[in-house]
Amino acid sequence: MPIHEKSLIDPNQVLSAEKLVIEGVDVSGHWNTMILPRTVADYDPEFQKKIKALPGGENVHRCWQCGSCTNSCTMYAINTDFNPRYWIYCTNLGLQSEIVKDKDIIWQCVSCNKCTNSCPKDVKPEGVMKALQHWLEAEGHVPVSQSTQFDQEFTRQCLERGRIEDSEVMFNFFRKTGVDIVELVKKGWLGVFVARMNNLPLLRDGKLGKFIARLPITGPLKMGWMMLFKPRTRGWGKTGTVLQTYLEEQKHG
């Protein structure tokens, strides 16, 4: 019989022959491929619980393997190795090694949510993909992503002061991710943003007065002031401590 998703099977476990006759019956063609039995011992019975404890993975246990998620997946249409149904299957069986094997593919999820909309059991496959990504990060199987580093900086400021300062978030994020701010201004999106904000065509057209009138002065001064004297929500000390304690309990509990 034809073997669907053959790429998921270890090639060493597949036997095939161009010509195969069994008890006088020619079974060549699709019927001449056999899969050797395999005993799986390296599984974690608690793995499903770990993923369910992460945001997005709460309903992974509901999956009945209908394949609607993979069938509707935007990425699967481009790369058949991207298979949400299979990863959810591995999660429920505790096959961590299979998830780690595809650690560089799971990140290709574009969060289009077609899988979530088509799932008849409300598994929310897109959320499961995100939960698996975060698990891979937490276990050190993949480097910490830039989005996670941004979230960490954002959260740090909220917990410490009860609010954020935009310029500090951006500055620390760029520093942690190794972004060259000077180059970003010269050749990147930040330079384009500043140019559009200041309306450089006015300067090129010789309209110096109008250009100067559009220069943002108070905004940058305010941002610089807040970088030096960091704003803080009044009476935030106890609230921040309670929130920090709660997050630690959730992390280790």
C-alpha atoms as a PDB file:
ATOM      1  CA  MET A   1       0.000   0.000   0.000  1.00  0.00           C
ATOM      2  CA  PRO A   2       1.226   3.568  -0.555  1.00  0.00           C
ATOM      3  CA  ILE A   3       2.995   5.092   2.426  1.00  0.00           C
ATOM      4  CA  HIS A   4       1.929   8.681   2.992  1.00  0.00           C
ATOM      5  CA  GLU A   5       4.406  11.013   4.755  1.00  0.00           C
ATOM      6  CA  LYS A   6       7.189   8.569   3.933  1.00  0.00           C
ATOM      7  CA  SER A   7       9.730  11.310   4.709  1.00  0.00           C
ATOM      8  CA  LEU A   8       8.860  10.890   8.406  1.00  0.00           C
ATOM      9  CA  ILE A   9      10.037   7.275   8.450  1.00  0.00           C
ATOM     10  CA  ASP A  10      13.639   6.333   9.106  1.00  0.00           C
ATOM     11  CA  PRO A  11      14.985   5.104   5.732  1.00  0.00           C
ATOM     12  CA  ASN A  12      16.683   2.198   7.516  1.00  0.00           C
ATOM     13  CA  GLN A  13      13.249   0.961   8.574  1.00  0.00           C
ATOM     14  CA  VAL A  14      11.885   0.807   5.022  1.00  0.00           C
ATOM     15  CA  LEU A  15      12.349  -2.237   2.782  1.00  0.00           C
ATOM     16  CA  SER A  16      11.426  -2.164  -0.877  1.00  0.00           C
ATOM     17  CA  ALA A  17      12.044  -4.253  -3.983  1.00  0.00           C
ATOM     18  CA  GLU A  18      11.544  -3.523  -7.667  1.00  0.00           C
ATOM     19  CA  LYS A  19      10.076  -6.988  -8.155  1.00  0.00           C
ATOM     20  CA  LEU A  20       8.290  -8.789  -5.328  1.00  0.00           C
ATOM     21  CA  VAL A  21       6.240 -11.980  -5.488  1.00  0.00           C
ATOM     22  CA  ILE A  22       4.620 -13.388  -2.342  1.00  0.00           C
ATOM     23  CA  GLU A  23       3.035 -16.846  -2.466  1.00  0.00           C
ATOM     24  CA  GLY A  24       2.807 -16.642  -6.211  1.00  0.00           C
ATOM     25  CA  VAL A  25       1.222 -13.186  -6.218  1.00  0.00           C
ATOM     26  CA  ASP A  26       3.091 -10.284  -7.843  1.00  0.00           C
ATOM     27  CA  VAL A  27       2.872  -7.356  -5.389  1.00  0.00           C
ATOM     28  CA  SER A  28       5.322  -5.106  -7.196  1.00  0.00           C
ATOM     29  CA  GLY A  29       4.563  -1.406  -7.346  1.00  0.00           C
ATOM     30  CA  HIS A  30       3.096   0.418  -4.371  1.00  0.00           C
ATOM     31  CA  TRP A  31       2.639  -2.854  -2.506  1.00  0.00           C
ATOM     32  CA  ASN A  32       6.304  -3.824  -2.510  1.00  0.00           C
ATOM     33  CA  THR A  33       7.295  -1.426   0.301  1.00  0.00           C
ATOM     34  CA  MET A  34       7.382  -2.737   3.855  1.00  0.00           C
ATOM     35  CA  ILE A  35       8.128  -1.002   7.159  1.00  0.00           C
ATOM     36  CA  LEU A  36      10.116  -2.855   9.775  1.00  0.00           C
ATOM     37  CA  PRO A  37       8.646  -2.778  13.299  1.00  0.00           C
ATOM     38  CA  ARG A  38      10.239  -0.331  15.725  1.00  0.00           C
ATOM     39  CA  THR A  39      10.258  -0.211  19.507  1.00  0.00           C
ATOM     40  CA  VAL A  40      10.340   3.308  20.957  1.00  0.00           C
ATOM     41  CA  ALA A  41      11.875   3.635  24.404  1.00  0.00           C
ATOM     42  CA  ASP A  42      13.219   7.211  24.456  1.00  0.00           C
ATOM     43  CA  TYR A  43       9.957   9.016  25.205  1.00  0.00           C
ATOM     44  CA  ASP A  44       8.941  11.330  28.018  1.00  0.00           C
ATOM     45  CA  PRO A  45       5.474  10.573  29.442  1.00  0.00           C
ATOM     46  CA  GLU A  46       5.420  14.081  30.984  1.00  0.00           C
ATOM     47  CA  PHE A  47       6.206  15.909  27.737  1.00  0.00           C
ATOM     48  CA  GLN A  48       2.579  16.552  26.853  1.00  0.00           C
ATOM     49  CA  LYS A  49       2.036  18.172  30.264  1.00  0.00           C
ATOM     50  CA  LYS A  50       5.047  20.443  29.698  1.00  0.00           C
ATOM     51  CA  ILE A  51       3.624  21.707  26.418  1.00  0.00           C
ATOM     52  CA  LYS A  52       0.112  22.074  27.857  1.00  0.00           C
ATOM     53  CA  ALA A  53       1.570  24.290  30.580  1.00  0.00           C
ATOM     54  CA  LEU A  54       2.891  26.735  27.972  1.00  0.00           C
ATOM     55  CA  PRO A  55       0.719  29.463  26.386  1.00  0.00           C
ATOM     56  CA  GLY A  56      -0.882  28.041  23.256  1.00  0.00           C
ATOM     57  CA  GLY A  57      -0.417  24.382  24.105  1.00  0.00           C
ATOM     58  CA  GLU A  58      -3.370  23.982  26.475  1.00  0.00           C
ATOM     59  CA  ASN A  59      -5.500  21.901  24.068  1.00  0.00           C
ATOM     60  CA  VAL A  60      -2.842  19.703  22.475  1.00  0.00           C
ATOM     61  CA  HIS A  61      -4.376  16.602  24.119  1.00  0.00           C
ATOM     62  CA  ARG A  62      -7.606  17.021  22.109  1.00  0.00           C
ATOM     63  CA  CYS A  63      -5.995  16.115  18.782  1.00  0.00           C
ATOM     64  CA  TRP A  64      -7.449  13.058  17.020  1.00  0.00           C
ATOM     65  CA  GLN A  65      -5.004  13.227  14.073  1.00  0.00           C
ATOM     66  CA  CYS A  66      -7.499  14.130  11.358  1.00  0.00           C
ATOM     67  CA  GLY A  67      -4.814  16.098   9.487  1.00  0.00           C
ATOM     68  CA  SER A  68      -6.911  19.225   8.916  1.00  0.00           C
ATOM     69  CA  CYS A  69      -4.121  21.420  10.285  1.00  0.00           C
ATOM     70  CA  THR A  70      -1.449  20.159   7.911  1.00  0.00           C
ATOM     71  CA  ASN A  71      -3.878  20.062   4.988  1.00  0.00           C
ATOM     72  CA  SER A  72      -4.693  23.770   5.417  1.00  0.00           C
ATOM     73  CA  CYS A  73      -1.179  24.873   6.416  1.00  0.00           C
ATOM     74  CA  THR A  74       0.366  27.700   4.388  1.00  0.00           C
ATOM     75  CA  MET A  75       3.907  26.469   5.009  1.00  0.00           C
ATOM     76  CA  TYR A  76       3.129  22.816   4.236  1.00  0.00           C
ATOM     77  CA  ALA A  77       2.075  23.897   0.752  1.00  0.00           C
ATOM     78  CA  ILE A  78       5.617  25.225   0.291  1.00  0.00           C
ATOM     79  CA  ASN A  79       7.619  22.751   2.381  1.00  0.00           C
ATOM     80  CA  THR A  80       6.115  19.316   3.043  1.00  0.00           C
ATOM     81  CA  ASP A  81       8.558  18.808   5.923  1.00  0.00           C
ATOM     82  CA  PHE A  82       6.531  21.382   7.876  1.00  0.00           C
ATOM     83  CA  ASN A  83       3.900  19.125   9.415  1.00  0.00           C
ATOM     84  CA  PRO A  84       1.870  20.366  12.426  1.00  0.00           C
ATOM     85  CA  ARG A  85      -0.142  17.135  12.622  1.00  0.00           C
ATOM     86  CA  TYR A  86       3.029  15.094  13.056  1.00  0.00           C
ATOM     87  CA  TRP A  87       4.506  17.378  15.714  1.00  0.00           C
ATOM     88  CA  ILE A  88       1.280  17.331  17.706  1.00  0.00           C
ATOM     89  CA  TYR A  89       1.312  13.524  17.413  1.00  0.00           C
ATOM     90  CA  CYS A  90       4.901  13.419  18.725  1.00  0.00           C
ATOM     91  CA  THR A  91       3.996  15.791  21.558  1.00  0.00           C
ATOM     92  CA  ASN A  92       1.178  13.564  22.767  1.00  0.00           C
ATOM     93  CA  LEU A  93       3.421  10.495  22.598  1.00  0.00           C
ATOM     94  CA  GLY A  94       6.278  12.252  24.400  1.00  0.00           C
ATOM     95  CA  LEU A  95       8.734  11.945  21.493  1.00  0.00           C
ATOM     96  CA  GLN A  96      10.938  14.926  22.306  1.00  0.00           C
ATOM     97  CA  SER A  97      13.721  13.735  19.996  1.00  0.00           C
ATOM     98  CA  GLU A  98      11.410  14.051  16.984  1.00  0.00           C
ATOM     99  CA  ILE A  99      10.601  17.651  17.933  1.00  0.00           C
ATOM    100  CA  VAL A 100      14.277  18.496  18.409  1.00  0.00           C
ATOM    101  CA  LYS A 101      15.068  16.904  15.042  1.00  0.00           C
ATOM    102  CA  ASP A 102      12.831  19.501  13.366  1.00  0.00           C
ATOM    103  CA  LYS A 103      13.875  22.443  15.549  1.00  0.00           C
ATOM    104  CA  ASP A 104      14.908  24.529  12.528  1.00  0.00           C
ATOM    105  CA  ILE A 105      11.608  23.931  10.714  1.00  0.00           C
ATOM    106  CA  ILE A 106       9.020  24.567  13.431  1.00  0.00           C
ATOM    107  CA  TRP A 107      10.059  28.256  13.457  1.00  0.00           C
ATOM    108  CA  GLN A 108       8.741  28.633   9.907  1.00  0.00           C
ATOM    109  CA  CYS A 109       5.148  28.954  11.194  1.00  0.00           C
ATOM    110  CA  VAL A 110       3.741  32.249   9.878  1.00  0.00           C
ATOM    111  CA  SER A 111       0.790  32.359  12.330  1.00  0.00           C
ATOM    112  CA  CYS A 112      -1.784  32.574   9.543  1.00  0.00           C
ATOM    113  CA  ASN A 113      -4.137  30.551  11.805  1.00  0.00           C
ATOM    114  CA  LYS A 114      -5.612  28.546   8.912  1.00  0.00           C
ATOM    115  CA  CYS A 115      -4.890  25.409  10.946  1.00  0.00           C
ATOM    116  CA  THR A 116      -6.669  26.782  14.012  1.00  0.00           C
ATOM    117  CA  ASN A 117      -9.715  27.795  11.961  1.00  0.00           C
ATOM    118  CA  SER A 118      -9.992  24.361  10.343  1.00  0.00           C
ATOM    119  CA  CYS A 119      -9.352  22.243  13.452  1.00  0.00           C
ATOM    120  CA  PRO A 120     -12.579  20.430  14.486  1.00  0.00           C
ATOM    121  CA  LYS A 121     -11.341  19.795  18.046  1.00  0.00           C
ATOM    122  CA  ASP A 122     -10.175  23.331  18.928  1.00  0.00           C
ATOM    123  CA  VAL A 123      -6.589  22.143  19.413  1.00  0.00           C
ATOM    124  CA  LYS A 124      -5.330  25.547  18.233  1.00  0.00           C
ATOM    125  CA  PRO A 125      -2.344  24.086  16.302  1.00  0.00           C
ATOM    126  CA  GLU A 126      -0.825  27.532  15.741  1.00  0.00           C
ATOM    127  CA  GLY A 127      -0.621  27.951  19.508  1.00  0.00           C
ATOM    128  CA  VAL A 128       0.958  24.511  19.855  1.00  0.00           C
ATOM    129  CA  MET A 129       3.634  25.514  17.325  1.00  0.00           C
ATOM    130  CA  LYS A 130       4.432  28.574  19.450  1.00  0.00           C
ATOM    131  CA  ALA A 131       4.500  26.463  22.619  1.00  0.00           C
ATOM    132  CA  LEU A 132       6.951  24.039  20.989  1.00  0.00           C
ATOM    133  CA  GLN A 133       9.114  26.961  19.885  1.00  0.00           C
ATOM    134  CA  HIS A 134       9.246  28.311  23.431  1.00  0.00           C
ATOM    135  CA  TRP A 135      10.033  24.853  24.806  1.00  0.00           C
ATOM    136  CA  LEU A 136      12.935  24.504  22.350  1.00  0.00           C
ATOM    137  CA  GLU A 137      14.235  27.889  23.523  1.00  0.00           C
ATOM    138  CA  ALA A 138      13.825  27.105  27.220  1.00  0.00           C
ATOM    139  CA  GLU A 139      15.654  23.788  26.845  1.00  0.00           C
ATOM    140  CA  GLY A 140      18.540  25.386  24.941  1.00  0.00           C
ATOM    141  CA  HIS A 141      17.944  23.486  21.704  1.00  0.00           C
ATOM    142  CA  VAL A 142      17.782  26.754  19.748  1.00  0.00           C
ATOM    143  CA  PRO A 143      19.144  30.259  20.427  1.00  0.00           C
ATOM    144  CA  VAL A 144      16.856  32.778  22.098  1.00  0.00           C
ATOM    145  CA  SER A 145      14.917  34.540  19.345  1.00  0.00           C
ATOM    146  CA  GLN A 146      14.844  38.296  18.927  1.00  0.00           C
ATOM    147  CA  SER A 147      11.120  38.376  19.671  1.00  0.00           C
ATOM    148  CA  THR A 148      11.761  36.644  23.003  1.00  0.00           C
ATOM    149  CA  GLN A 149      14.561  39.086  23.826  1.00  0.00           C
ATOM    150  CA  PHE A 150      12.203  41.978  23.117  1.00  0.00           C
ATOM    151  CA  ASP A 151       9.534  40.414  25.350  1.00  0.00           C
ATOM    152  CA  GLN A 152      12.098  39.918  28.129  1.00  0.00           C
ATOM    153  CA  GLU A 153      13.152  43.567  28.057  1.00  0.00           C
ATOM    154  CA  PHE A 154       9.534  44.743  27.912  1.00  0.00           C
ATOM    155  CA  THR A 155       8.583  42.497  30.848  1.00  0.00           C
ATOM    156  CA  ARG A 156      11.625  43.528  32.899  1.00  0.00           C
ATOM    157  CA  GLN A 157      10.649  47.176  32.758  1.00  0.00           C
ATOM    158  CA  CYS A 158       7.012  46.443  33.586  1.00  0.00           C
ATOM    159  CA  LEU A 159       7.972  44.398  36.648  1.00  0.00           C
ATOM    160  CA  GLU A 160      10.580  46.860  37.883  1.00  0.00           C
ATOM    161  CA  ARG A 161       8.721  50.135  37.359  1.00  0.00           C
ATOM    162  CA  GLY A 162       5.132  49.369  36.400  1.00  0.00           C
ATOM    163  CA  ARG A 163       5.547  50.976  32.964  1.00  0.00           C
ATOM    164  CA  ILE A 164       7.930  51.083  30.029  1.00  0.00           C
ATOM    165  CA  GLU A 165       9.994  53.755  28.378  1.00  0.00           C
ATOM    166  CA  ASP A 166       9.957  53.260  24.589  1.00  0.00           C
ATOM    167  CA  SER A 167      13.456  54.563  23.930  1.00  0.00           C
ATOM    168  CA  GLU A 168      14.937  52.345  26.645  1.00  0.00           C
ATOM    169  CA  VAL A 169      13.127  49.283  25.263  1.00  0.00           C
ATOM    170  CA  MET A 170      14.504  49.944  21.776  1.00  0.00           C
ATOM    171  CA  PHE A 171      18.021  50.803  22.949  1.00  0.00           C
ATOM    172  CA  ASN A 172      18.380  47.698  25.154  1.00  0.00           C
ATOM    173  CA  PHE A 173      16.822  45.470  22.502  1.00  0.00           C
ATOM    174  CA  PHE A 174      19.267  46.691  19.863  1.00  0.00           C
ATOM    175  CA  ARG A 175      22.164  46.246  22.288  1.00  0.00           C
ATOM    176  CA  LYS A 176      21.176  42.670  23.195  1.00  0.00           C
ATOM    177  CA  THR A 177      20.649  41.622  19.592  1.00  0.00           C
ATOM    178  CA  GLY A 178      23.866  43.225  18.353  1.00  0.00           C
ATOM    179  CA  VAL A 179      22.171  45.713  16.024  1.00  0.00           C
ATOM    180  CA  ASP A 180      24.408  48.566  14.795  1.00  0.00           C
ATOM    181  CA  ILE A 181      22.194  51.587  15.411  1.00  0.00           C
ATOM    182  CA  VAL A 182      24.441  53.874  13.321  1.00  0.00           C
ATOM    183  CA  GLU A 183      24.114  51.577  10.304  1.00  0.00           C
ATOM    184  CA  LEU A 184      20.396  51.263  10.963  1.00  0.00           C
ATOM    185  CA  VAL A 185      20.094  55.032  10.708  1.00  0.00           C
ATOM    186  CA  LYS A 186      22.325  55.242   7.621  1.00  0.00           C
ATOM    187  CA  LYS A 187      20.957  52.338   5.581  1.00  0.00           C
ATOM    188  CA  GLY A 188      18.126  50.672   7.504  1.00  0.00           C
ATOM    189  CA  TRP A 189      14.485  51.264   8.315  1.00  0.00           C
ATOM    190  CA  LEU A 190      15.305  53.663  11.166  1.00  0.00           C
ATOM    191  CA  GLY A 191      16.937  56.096   8.763  1.00  0.00           C
ATOM    192  CA  VAL A 192      13.931  55.911   6.440  1.00  0.00           C
ATOM    193  CA  PHE A 193      11.628  56.508   9.401  1.00  0.00           C
ATOM    194  CA  VAL A 194      13.561  59.581  10.564  1.00  0.00           C
ATOM    195  CA  ALA A 195      13.763  60.948   7.017  1.00  0.00           C
ATOM    196  CA  ARG A 196      10.014  60.650   6.501  1.00  0.00           C
ATOM    197  CA  MET A 197       9.285  62.130   9.906  1.00  0.00           C
ATOM    198  CA  ASN A 198      11.460  65.171   9.141  1.00  0.00           C
ATOM    199  CA  ASN A 199      10.243  65.483   5.540  1.00  0.00           C
ATOM    200  CA  LEU A 200      13.701  65.712   3.933  1.00  0.00           C
ATOM    201  CA  PRO A 201      12.255  66.747   0.529  1.00  0.00           C
ATOM    202  CA  LEU A 202      11.634  70.157   2.103  1.00  0.00           C
ATOM    203  CA  LEU A 203      15.375  70.472   2.751  1.00  0.00           C
ATOM    204  CA  ARG A 204      16.253  69.316  -0.751  1.00  0.00           C
ATOM    205  CA  ASP A 205      13.856  71.910  -2.167  1.00  0.00           C
ATOM    206  CA  GLY A 206      15.584  74.650  -0.200  1.00  0.00           C
ATOM    207  CA  LYS A 207      12.657  75.217   2.162  1.00  0.00           C
ATOM    208  CA  LEU A 208      14.881  75.433   5.234  1.00  0.00           C
ATOM    209  CA  GLY A 209      12.367  77.266   7.424  1.00  0.00           C
ATOM    210  CA  LYS A 210       9.612  74.689   6.895  1.00  0.00           C
ATOM    211  CA  PHE A 211      12.106  71.887   7.413  1.00  0.00           C
ATOM    212  CA  ILE A 212      13.276  73.324  10.747  1.00  0.00           C
ATOM    213  CA  ALA A 213       9.656  73.853  11.805  1.00  0.00           C
ATOM    214  CA  ARG A 214       9.037  70.128  11.330  1.00  0.00           C
ATOM    215  CA  LEU A 215      12.089  69.008  13.306  1.00  0.00           C
ATOM    216  CA  PRO A 216      11.042  66.991  16.372  1.00  0.00           C
ATOM    217  CA  ILE A 217      12.664  68.717  19.327  1.00  0.00           C
ATOM    218  CA  THR A 218      10.540  68.198  22.416  1.00  0.00           C
ATOM    219  CA  GLY A 219      10.008  64.500  21.704  1.00  0.00           C
ATOM    220  CA  PRO A 220      13.716  63.510  21.634  1.00  0.00           C
ATOM    221  CA  LEU A 221      14.429  65.755  24.617  1.00  0.00           C
ATOM    222  CA  LYS A 222      11.671  64.047  26.585  1.00  0.00           C
ATOM    223  CA  MET A 223      12.946  60.608  25.586  1.00  0.00           C
ATOM    224  CA  GLY A 224      16.489  61.530  26.628  1.00  0.00           C
ATOM    225  CA  TRP A 225      15.228  62.860  29.955  1.00  0.00           C
ATOM    226  CA  MET A 226      13.349  59.649  30.668  1.00  0.00           C
ATOM    227  CA  MET A 227      16.411  57.553  29.781  1.00  0.00           C
ATOM    228  CA  LEU A 228      18.274  59.379  32.550  1.00  0.00           C
ATOM    229  CA  PHE A 229      15.441  59.680  35.060  1.00  0.00           C
ATOM    230  CA  LYS A 230      13.461  56.529  34.485  1.00  0.00           C
ATOM    231  CA  PRO A 231       9.704  56.938  35.051  1.00  0.00           C
ATOM    232  CA  ARG A 232       8.064  54.732  37.643  1.00  0.00           C
ATOM    233  CA  THR A 233       4.437  54.075  38.547  1.00  0.00           C
ATOM    234  CA  ARG A 234       3.665  55.519  41.962  1.00  0.00           C
ATOM    235  CA  GLY A 235       3.552  52.907  44.737  1.00  0.00           C
ATOM    236  CA  TRP A 236       4.707  50.154  42.370  1.00  0.00           C
ATOM    237  CA  GLY A 237       7.204  48.507  44.753  1.00  0.00           C
ATOM    238  CA  LYS A 238       4.872  46.012  46.483  1.00  0.00           C
ATOM    239  CA  THR A 239       2.835  45.324  43.338  1.00  0.00           C
ATOM    240  CA  GLY A 240       5.963  44.552  41.335  1.00  0.00           C
ATOM    241  CA  THR A 241       7.221  42.210  44.052  1.00  0.00           C
ATOM    242  CA  VAL A 242       3.915  40.327  44.130  1.00  0.00           C
ATOM    243  CA  LEU A 243       3.876  39.939  40.345  1.00  0.00           C
ATOM    244  CA  GLN A 244       7.493  38.773  40.292  1.00  0.00           C
ATOM    245  CA  THR A 245       6.764  36.186  42.989  1.00  0.00           C
ATOM    246  CA  TYR A 246       3.703  34.957  41.082  1.00  0.00           C
ATOM    247  CA  LEU A 247       5.670  34.550  37.843  1.00  0.00           C
ATOM    248  CA  GLU A 248       8.396  32.604  39.630  1.00  0.00           C
ATOM    249  CA  GLU A 249       5.788  30.312  41.149  1.00  0.00           C
ATOM    250  CA  GLN A 250       4.224  29.706  37.737  1.00  0.00           C
ATOM    251  CA  LYS A 251       7.629  29.044  36.215  1.00  0.00           C
ATOM    252  CA  HIS A 252       8.677  26.458  38.787  1.00  0.00           C
ATOM    253  CA  GLY A 253       5.269  25.135  39.710  1.00  0.00           C
END
